[in-house]
Amino acid sequence: MSKETDNGNLAAYPRDTNQTYATGYDGLTKRELFAAMVLQGFITHYGETTDSLASWAVRDADDLLKELAK
């Protein structure tokens, strides 16, 4: 597993370890959050979404994580 993949699977908003939460749910990963933000921009620009735009959003999120890992 690459460094950016590991980083992308971390929680986007880590929870406070001093708080009690339901177990098994840590919310969105960084990768999911970045992909959602990119897709939101695509939808704003193009007015709709398609499977290819969703794929591009995930690829762009992965590219961002690779860049951040440098």
N, C-alpha and C. Protein backbone atom coordinates (compact mmCIF):
# COMPACT_ATOMS: atom_id res chain seq x y z
N MET A 1 0.85 -1.18 0.00
CA MET A 1 0.00 0.00 0.00
C MET A 1 0.89 1.24 0.00
N SER A 2 0.56 2.21 -0.83
CA SER A 2 1.39 3.41 -0.93
C SER A 2 1.06 4.41 0.18
N LYS A 3 1.96 5.35 0.35
CA LYS A 3 1.80 6.35 1.39
C LYS A 3 0.52 7.15 1.19
N GLU A 4 0.24 7.56 -0.08
CA GLU A 4 -0.96 8.37 -0.31
C GLU A 4 -2.24 7.55 -0.11
N THR A 5 -2.20 6.24 -0.39
CA THR A 5 -3.36 5.39 -0.15
C THR A 5 -3.62 5.28 1.34
N ASP A 6 -2.57 5.10 2.11
CA ASP A 6 -2.73 5.06 3.57
C ASP A 6 -3.33 6.36 4.08
N ASN A 7 -2.78 7.48 3.63
CA ASN A 7 -3.25 8.79 4.05
C ASN A 7 -4.70 9.01 3.61
N GLY A 8 -5.04 8.57 2.41
CA GLY A 8 -6.39 8.76 1.89
C GLY A 8 -7.44 7.99 2.65
N ASN A 9 -7.04 6.93 3.34
CA ASN A 9 -7.98 6.13 4.11
C ASN A 9 -8.13 6.60 5.55
N LEU A 10 -7.38 7.63 5.93
CA LEU A 10 -7.55 8.20 7.27
C LEU A 10 -8.82 9.03 7.33
N ALA A 11 -9.35 9.21 8.51
CA ALA A 11 -10.57 10.00 8.69
C ALA A 11 -10.33 11.45 8.29
N ALA A 12 -11.26 12.02 7.56
CA ALA A 12 -11.16 13.42 7.14
C ALA A 12 -11.29 14.34 8.35
N TYR A 13 -12.13 13.97 9.26
CA TYR A 13 -12.34 14.74 10.49
C TYR A 13 -12.17 13.78 11.67
N PRO A 14 -10.93 13.58 12.09
CA PRO A 14 -10.69 12.61 13.17
C PRO A 14 -11.49 12.96 14.42
N ARG A 15 -11.99 11.95 15.06
CA ARG A 15 -12.78 12.20 16.26
C ARG A 15 -11.88 12.38 17.47
N ASP A 16 -12.39 13.06 18.43
CA ASP A 16 -11.70 13.28 19.69
C ASP A 16 -11.71 11.97 20.46
N THR A 17 -10.55 11.45 20.78
CA THR A 17 -10.48 10.16 21.47
C THR A 17 -11.03 10.23 22.88
N ASN A 18 -11.27 11.43 23.39
CA ASN A 18 -11.84 11.57 24.72
C ASN A 18 -13.37 11.50 24.71
N GLN A 19 -13.95 11.48 23.52
CA GLN A 19 -15.41 11.44 23.39
C GLN A 19 -15.86 10.00 23.14
N THR A 20 -17.08 9.72 23.51
CA THR A 20 -17.65 8.40 23.29
C THR A 20 -18.54 8.45 22.05
N TYR A 21 -18.24 7.60 21.07
CA TYR A 21 -19.01 7.52 19.83
C TYR A 21 -19.38 6.07 19.58
N ALA A 22 -20.32 5.89 18.69
CA ALA A 22 -20.65 4.53 18.25
C ALA A 22 -19.41 3.93 17.61
N THR A 23 -19.12 2.70 17.92
CA THR A 23 -17.94 2.06 17.36
C THR A 23 -18.19 1.64 15.92
N GLY A 24 -17.12 1.55 15.16
CA GLY A 24 -17.21 1.08 13.80
C GLY A 24 -17.52 2.14 12.77
N TYR A 25 -17.64 3.40 13.18
CA TYR A 25 -17.93 4.46 12.22
C TYR A 25 -17.04 5.66 12.50
N ASP A 26 -16.18 5.97 11.52
CA ASP A 26 -15.29 7.12 11.67
C ASP A 26 -15.61 8.21 10.67
N GLY A 27 -16.70 8.08 9.93
CA GLY A 27 -17.09 9.10 8.97
C GLY A 27 -16.35 8.94 7.65
N LEU A 28 -16.31 10.02 6.87
CA LEU A 28 -15.67 10.00 5.56
C LEU A 28 -14.16 9.91 5.68
N THR A 29 -13.57 9.22 4.71
CA THR A 29 -12.11 9.24 4.62
C THR A 29 -11.70 10.50 3.87
N LYS A 30 -10.42 10.82 3.92
CA LYS A 30 -9.92 11.97 3.17
C LYS A 30 -10.19 11.79 1.69
N ARG A 31 -9.98 10.58 1.19
CA ARG A 31 -10.20 10.30 -0.24
C ARG A 31 -11.65 10.55 -0.62
N GLU A 32 -12.58 10.06 0.20
CA GLU A 32 -14.01 10.27 -0.08
C GLU A 32 -14.38 11.74 -0.04
N LEU A 33 -13.85 12.46 0.93
CA LEU A 33 -14.14 13.89 1.05
C LEU A 33 -13.60 14.66 -0.15
N PHE A 34 -12.35 14.40 -0.53
CA PHE A 34 -11.77 15.10 -1.68
C PHE A 34 -12.55 14.79 -2.95
N ALA A 35 -12.91 13.54 -3.15
CA ALA A 35 -13.67 13.15 -4.35
C ALA A 35 -15.04 13.85 -4.37
N ALA A 36 -15.68 13.93 -3.24
CA ALA A 36 -16.98 14.61 -3.16
C ALA A 36 -16.84 16.09 -3.49
N MET A 37 -15.78 16.72 -3.02
CA MET A 37 -15.57 18.14 -3.29
C MET A 37 -15.31 18.38 -4.78
N VAL A 38 -14.50 17.51 -5.38
CA VAL A 38 -14.23 17.62 -6.82
C VAL A 38 -15.53 17.41 -7.60
N LEU A 39 -16.30 16.40 -7.24
CA LEU A 39 -17.55 16.11 -7.94
C LEU A 39 -18.53 17.28 -7.79
N GLN A 40 -18.55 17.90 -6.64
CA GLN A 40 -19.41 19.07 -6.44
C GLN A 40 -19.04 20.18 -7.42
N GLY A 41 -17.75 20.39 -7.62
CA GLY A 41 -17.31 21.38 -8.60
C GLY A 41 -17.72 21.01 -10.01
N PHE A 42 -17.59 19.73 -10.36
CA PHE A 42 -18.01 19.27 -11.68
C PHE A 42 -19.51 19.51 -11.89
N ILE A 43 -20.31 19.17 -10.89
CA ILE A 43 -21.75 19.34 -11.00
C ILE A 43 -22.10 20.82 -11.15
N THR A 44 -21.42 21.67 -10.39
CA THR A 44 -21.65 23.12 -10.50
C THR A 44 -21.32 23.61 -11.91
N HIS A 45 -20.23 23.12 -12.46
CA HIS A 45 -19.79 23.57 -13.79
C HIS A 45 -20.64 22.98 -14.91
N TYR A 46 -20.88 21.66 -14.86
CA TYR A 46 -21.56 20.97 -15.95
C TYR A 46 -23.07 20.85 -15.75
N GLY A 47 -23.56 21.07 -14.55
CA GLY A 47 -24.99 21.02 -14.28
C GLY A 47 -25.56 19.64 -14.05
N GLU A 48 -24.74 18.63 -14.13
CA GLU A 48 -25.18 17.25 -13.90
C GLU A 48 -23.95 16.40 -13.63
N THR A 49 -24.19 15.17 -13.30
CA THR A 49 -23.08 14.25 -13.09
C THR A 49 -23.26 13.02 -13.97
N THR A 50 -22.17 12.40 -14.28
CA THR A 50 -22.18 11.16 -15.06
C THR A 50 -21.19 10.21 -14.41
N ASP A 51 -21.21 8.97 -14.85
CA ASP A 51 -20.25 7.99 -14.33
C ASP A 51 -18.82 8.44 -14.61
N SER A 52 -18.60 9.03 -15.79
CA SER A 52 -17.23 9.45 -16.12
C SER A 52 -16.79 10.62 -15.24
N LEU A 53 -17.70 11.55 -14.93
CA LEU A 53 -17.33 12.65 -14.02
C LEU A 53 -17.02 12.12 -12.64
N ALA A 54 -17.78 11.15 -12.18
CA ALA A 54 -17.51 10.56 -10.87
C ALA A 54 -16.15 9.87 -10.87
N SER A 55 -15.81 9.18 -11.95
CA SER A 55 -14.50 8.53 -12.06
C SER A 55 -13.38 9.56 -12.06
N TRP A 56 -13.60 10.66 -12.78
CA TRP A 56 -12.59 11.73 -12.80
C TRP A 56 -12.41 12.33 -11.41
N ALA A 57 -13.50 12.47 -10.67
CA ALA A 57 -13.42 13.04 -9.32
C ALA A 57 -12.56 12.16 -8.42
N VAL A 58 -12.75 10.85 -8.50
CA VAL A 58 -11.94 9.93 -7.70
C VAL A 58 -10.49 9.98 -8.13
N ARG A 59 -10.25 10.01 -9.43
CA ARG A 59 -8.87 10.10 -9.93
C ARG A 59 -8.21 11.41 -9.49
N ASP A 60 -8.96 12.51 -9.54
CA ASP A 60 -8.41 13.79 -9.09
C ASP A 60 -8.12 13.77 -7.59
N ALA A 61 -8.99 13.12 -6.81
CA ALA A 61 -8.75 12.99 -5.37
C ALA A 61 -7.48 12.20 -5.12
N ASP A 62 -7.27 11.12 -5.87
CA ASP A 62 -6.06 10.33 -5.72
C ASP A 62 -4.82 11.14 -6.11
N ASP A 63 -4.92 11.95 -7.17
CA ASP A 63 -3.81 12.81 -7.57
C ASP A 63 -3.48 13.82 -6.47
N LEU A 64 -4.50 14.38 -5.84
CA LEU A 64 -4.28 15.32 -4.75
C LEU A 64 -3.57 14.63 -3.58
N LEU A 65 -4.01 13.44 -3.24
CA LEU A 65 -3.37 12.71 -2.14
C LEU A 65 -1.90 12.39 -2.47
N LYS A 66 -1.62 12.04 -3.71
CA LYS A 66 -0.22 11.79 -4.11
C LYS A 66 0.62 13.05 -3.95
N GLU A 67 0.07 14.17 -4.37
CA GLU A 67 0.79 15.44 -4.26
C GLU A 67 1.03 15.82 -2.81
N LEU A 68 0.03 15.63 -1.99
CA LEU A 68 0.17 15.95 -0.56
C LEU A 68 1.16 15.03 0.15
N ALA A 69 1.37 13.82 -0.37
CA ALA A 69 2.28 12.88 0.24
C ALA A 69 3.76 13.21 -0.03
N LYS A 70 4.00 14.12 -0.98
CA LYS A 70 5.39 14.46 -1.33
C LYS A 70 6.05 15.25 -0.22
